[in-house]
Amino acid sequence: MSDAAVFASQFVNIVGKEATVNMCVGDGNGAFVVAELCEALVRGDLVEEKATVKEWFGAKVVQEIEAGQAKGKRVLLEKIALL
């Protein structure tokens, strides 16, 4: 497993849903970080973690991201869609 995949897995398990989602909604400044997290989960083929993060970013949260002003939200939405 690559270093990115290990980091992504640990991020999901340690940081958790609330903090991760909060990084992305409104004026959240973590959109690029979470986009790279999603990318690492996909590249690392981390099935369980991908499913977890996909669940975190359901339709309601995606709408909040779309309505927000976070820089990188388009990139984030593309990466979420890959999950």
N, C-alpha and C. Protein backbone atom coordinates (compact mmCIF):
# COMPACT_ATOMS: atom_id res chain seq x y z
N MET A 1 0.85 -1.17 0.00
CA MET A 1 0.00 0.00 0.00
C MET A 1 0.90 1.24 0.00
N SER A 2 0.52 2.21 -0.82
CA SER A 2 1.33 3.43 -0.92
C SER A 2 1.19 4.28 0.35
N ASP A 3 2.13 5.20 0.50
CA ASP A 3 2.08 6.12 1.63
C ASP A 3 0.79 6.95 1.61
N ALA A 4 0.38 7.37 0.41
CA ALA A 4 -0.85 8.17 0.29
C ALA A 4 -2.07 7.37 0.74
N ALA A 5 -2.11 6.09 0.38
CA ALA A 5 -3.23 5.25 0.77
C ALA A 5 -3.24 5.03 2.28
N VAL A 6 -2.09 4.82 2.87
CA VAL A 6 -1.99 4.65 4.32
C VAL A 6 -2.47 5.93 5.01
N PHE A 7 -1.98 7.07 4.54
CA PHE A 7 -2.39 8.35 5.12
C PHE A 7 -3.90 8.54 4.99
N ALA A 8 -4.45 8.25 3.81
CA ALA A 8 -5.88 8.42 3.58
C ALA A 8 -6.70 7.55 4.52
N SER A 9 -6.28 6.32 4.69
CA SER A 9 -6.99 5.40 5.57
C SER A 9 -6.96 5.92 7.01
N GLN A 10 -5.80 6.36 7.46
CA GLN A 10 -5.68 6.88 8.81
C GLN A 10 -6.47 8.17 8.99
N PHE A 11 -6.47 9.02 7.97
CA PHE A 11 -7.22 10.27 8.02
C PHE A 11 -8.70 9.98 8.25
N VAL A 12 -9.25 9.06 7.48
CA VAL A 12 -10.67 8.71 7.60
C VAL A 12 -10.97 8.21 9.00
N ASN A 13 -10.13 7.33 9.51
CA ASN A 13 -10.39 6.72 10.80
C ASN A 13 -10.13 7.64 11.99
N ILE A 14 -9.20 8.58 11.86
CA ILE A 14 -8.85 9.44 12.99
C ILE A 14 -9.63 10.76 12.95
N VAL A 15 -9.66 11.41 11.81
CA VAL A 15 -10.30 12.73 11.72
C VAL A 15 -11.82 12.59 11.78
N GLY A 16 -12.37 11.63 11.04
CA GLY A 16 -13.80 11.36 11.12
C GLY A 16 -14.67 12.26 10.26
N LYS A 17 -15.95 11.95 10.32
CA LYS A 17 -16.94 12.59 9.45
C LYS A 17 -17.11 14.08 9.71
N GLU A 18 -17.40 14.45 10.94
CA GLU A 18 -17.76 15.84 11.23
C GLU A 18 -16.67 16.82 10.81
N ALA A 19 -15.45 16.58 11.21
CA ALA A 19 -14.35 17.49 10.87
C ALA A 19 -14.10 17.51 9.37
N THR A 20 -14.17 16.35 8.73
CA THR A 20 -13.91 16.27 7.29
C THR A 20 -14.97 17.03 6.50
N VAL A 21 -16.23 16.81 6.82
CA VAL A 21 -17.31 17.51 6.12
C VAL A 21 -17.23 19.01 6.38
N ASN A 22 -16.94 19.40 7.61
CA ASN A 22 -16.84 20.83 7.95
C ASN A 22 -15.73 21.53 7.19
N MET A 23 -14.72 20.78 6.77
CA MET A 23 -13.63 21.35 5.99
C MET A 23 -14.09 21.76 4.59
N CYS A 24 -15.26 21.29 4.18
CA CYS A 24 -15.69 21.43 2.79
C CYS A 24 -16.91 22.31 2.57
N VAL A 25 -17.70 22.54 3.60
CA VAL A 25 -18.94 23.30 3.42
C VAL A 25 -18.74 24.77 3.76
N GLY A 26 -19.65 25.59 3.28
CA GLY A 26 -19.55 27.04 3.52
C GLY A 26 -18.31 27.61 2.90
N ASP A 27 -17.51 28.27 3.71
CA ASP A 27 -16.25 28.86 3.24
C ASP A 27 -15.07 27.94 3.54
N GLY A 28 -15.38 26.68 3.79
CA GLY A 28 -14.36 25.71 4.18
C GLY A 28 -13.10 25.79 3.34
N ASN A 29 -11.98 25.81 4.02
CA ASN A 29 -10.70 25.92 3.33
C ASN A 29 -10.03 24.57 3.13
N GLY A 30 -10.77 23.49 3.31
CA GLY A 30 -10.18 22.18 3.20
C GLY A 30 -10.61 21.39 1.98
N ALA A 31 -11.26 22.06 1.03
CA ALA A 31 -11.78 21.35 -0.14
C ALA A 31 -10.68 20.62 -0.90
N PHE A 32 -9.54 21.28 -1.11
CA PHE A 32 -8.46 20.64 -1.85
C PHE A 32 -7.89 19.45 -1.08
N VAL A 33 -7.80 19.59 0.24
CA VAL A 33 -7.28 18.50 1.07
C VAL A 33 -8.19 17.28 0.96
N VAL A 34 -9.49 17.50 1.08
CA VAL A 34 -10.44 16.39 1.01
C VAL A 34 -10.51 15.83 -0.41
N ALA A 35 -10.34 16.68 -1.42
CA ALA A 35 -10.30 16.18 -2.79
C ALA A 35 -9.12 15.21 -2.96
N GLU A 36 -7.98 15.57 -2.41
CA GLU A 36 -6.81 14.68 -2.49
C GLU A 36 -7.01 13.42 -1.67
N LEU A 37 -7.71 13.55 -0.55
CA LEU A 37 -8.07 12.36 0.24
C LEU A 37 -8.88 11.40 -0.62
N CYS A 38 -9.89 11.91 -1.29
CA CYS A 38 -10.73 11.07 -2.16
C CYS A 38 -9.89 10.42 -3.26
N GLU A 39 -9.01 11.20 -3.85
CA GLU A 39 -8.14 10.67 -4.91
C GLU A 39 -7.27 9.54 -4.37
N ALA A 40 -6.70 9.73 -3.19
CA ALA A 40 -5.85 8.69 -2.59
C ALA A 40 -6.66 7.44 -2.27
N LEU A 41 -7.89 7.60 -1.83
CA LEU A 41 -8.74 6.44 -1.56
C LEU A 41 -9.03 5.66 -2.83
N VAL A 42 -9.28 6.38 -3.91
CA VAL A 42 -9.55 5.72 -5.20
C VAL A 42 -8.30 5.02 -5.72
N ARG A 43 -7.18 5.73 -5.74
CA ARG A 43 -5.93 5.14 -6.24
C ARG A 43 -5.47 3.97 -5.40
N GLY A 44 -5.68 4.06 -4.10
CA GLY A 44 -5.26 2.99 -3.20
C GLY A 44 -6.23 1.84 -3.13
N ASP A 45 -7.36 1.97 -3.84
CA ASP A 45 -8.40 0.94 -3.87
C ASP A 45 -8.81 0.53 -2.45
N LEU A 46 -9.05 1.53 -1.62
CA LEU A 46 -9.46 1.31 -0.23
C LEU A 46 -10.98 1.25 -0.18
N VAL A 47 -11.52 0.07 -0.41
CA VAL A 47 -12.95 -0.13 -0.59
C VAL A 47 -13.76 0.34 0.62
N GLU A 48 -13.36 -0.08 1.80
CA GLU A 48 -14.12 0.26 3.01
C GLU A 48 -14.11 1.76 3.27
N GLU A 49 -12.94 2.37 3.17
CA GLU A 49 -12.82 3.80 3.42
C GLU A 49 -13.54 4.61 2.35
N LYS A 50 -13.47 4.16 1.10
CA LYS A 50 -14.20 4.85 0.02
C LYS A 50 -15.69 4.86 0.32
N ALA A 51 -16.22 3.73 0.73
CA ALA A 51 -17.65 3.63 1.04
C ALA A 51 -18.01 4.55 2.21
N THR A 52 -17.15 4.61 3.19
CA THR A 52 -17.39 5.47 4.36
C THR A 52 -17.45 6.94 3.94
N VAL A 53 -16.46 7.38 3.19
CA VAL A 53 -16.40 8.78 2.78
C VAL A 53 -17.54 9.11 1.83
N LYS A 54 -17.88 8.19 0.95
CA LYS A 54 -19.01 8.41 0.04
C LYS A 54 -20.29 8.63 0.84
N GLU A 55 -20.45 7.86 1.91
CA GLU A 55 -21.62 8.01 2.78
C GLU A 55 -21.64 9.39 3.45
N TRP A 56 -20.45 9.87 3.85
CA TRP A 56 -20.36 11.18 4.48
C TRP A 56 -20.83 12.29 3.56
N PHE A 57 -20.55 12.12 2.26
CA PHE A 57 -20.85 13.16 1.28
C PHE A 57 -22.07 12.79 0.45
N GLY A 58 -23.19 12.65 1.14
CA GLY A 58 -24.47 12.35 0.49
C GLY A 58 -24.99 13.58 -0.24
N ALA A 59 -26.18 13.44 -0.81
CA ALA A 59 -26.77 14.50 -1.63
C ALA A 59 -26.89 15.83 -0.88
N LYS A 60 -27.28 15.79 0.38
CA LYS A 60 -27.45 17.02 1.16
C LYS A 60 -26.13 17.76 1.33
N VAL A 61 -25.08 17.02 1.65
CA VAL A 61 -23.76 17.64 1.85
C VAL A 61 -23.23 18.17 0.51
N VAL A 62 -23.43 17.43 -0.57
CA VAL A 62 -22.99 17.89 -1.89
C VAL A 62 -23.69 19.20 -2.24
N GLN A 63 -24.97 19.32 -1.93
CA GLN A 63 -25.69 20.57 -2.18
C GLN A 63 -25.10 21.72 -1.36
N GLU A 64 -24.72 21.44 -0.12
CA GLU A 64 -24.10 22.46 0.72
C GLU A 64 -22.77 22.91 0.14
N ILE A 65 -22.01 21.96 -0.39
CA ILE A 65 -20.72 22.29 -1.00
C ILE A 65 -20.95 23.15 -2.23
N GLU A 66 -21.90 22.76 -3.07
CA GLU A 66 -22.21 23.52 -4.29
C GLU A 66 -22.64 24.95 -3.96
N ALA A 67 -23.39 25.12 -2.87
CA ALA A 67 -23.88 26.44 -2.49
C ALA A 67 -22.83 27.28 -1.77
N GLY A 68 -21.77 26.65 -1.30
CA GLY A 68 -20.75 27.34 -0.53
C GLY A 68 -19.76 28.10 -1.39
N GLN A 69 -18.84 28.74 -0.70
CA GLN A 69 -17.83 29.57 -1.37
C GLN A 69 -16.42 28.99 -1.26
N ALA A 70 -16.31 27.72 -0.89
CA ALA A 70 -15.00 27.11 -0.68
C ALA A 70 -14.20 27.08 -1.99
N LYS A 71 -12.95 27.51 -1.89
CA LYS A 71 -12.06 27.39 -3.05
C LYS A 71 -11.80 25.91 -3.28
N GLY A 72 -11.85 25.50 -4.53
CA GLY A 72 -11.60 24.10 -4.87
C GLY A 72 -12.83 23.22 -4.81
N LYS A 73 -14.00 23.82 -4.67
CA LYS A 73 -15.21 23.00 -4.52
C LYS A 73 -15.50 22.19 -5.77
N ARG A 74 -15.19 22.71 -6.94
CA ARG A 74 -15.43 21.95 -8.19
C ARG A 74 -14.54 20.71 -8.24
N VAL A 75 -13.29 20.88 -7.88
CA VAL A 75 -12.36 19.75 -7.85
C VAL A 75 -12.85 18.71 -6.84
N LEU A 76 -13.27 19.18 -5.68
CA LEU A 76 -13.78 18.30 -4.65
C LEU A 76 -14.98 17.50 -5.14
N LEU A 77 -15.92 18.17 -5.77
CA LEU A 77 -17.13 17.51 -6.26
C LEU A 77 -16.78 16.45 -7.30
N GLU A 78 -15.80 16.74 -8.15
CA GLU A 78 -15.35 15.74 -9.14
C GLU A 78 -14.77 14.52 -8.44
N LYS A 79 -13.98 14.72 -7.42
CA LYS A 79 -13.34 13.61 -6.70
C LYS A 79 -14.36 12.81 -5.91
N ILE A 80 -15.33 13.47 -5.31
CA ILE A 80 -16.39 12.77 -4.60
C ILE A 80 -17.14 11.85 -5.55
N ALA A 81 -17.38 12.34 -6.75
CA ALA A 81 -18.10 11.56 -7.76
C ALA A 81 -17.35 10.28 -8.13
N LEU A 82 -16.03 10.27 -7.98
CA LEU A 82 -15.22 9.08 -8.31
C LEU A 82 -15.34 7.98 -7.27
N LEU A 83 -15.80 8.35 -6.07
CA LEU A 83 -15.94 7.37 -5.01
C LEU A 83 -17.06 6.43 -5.41
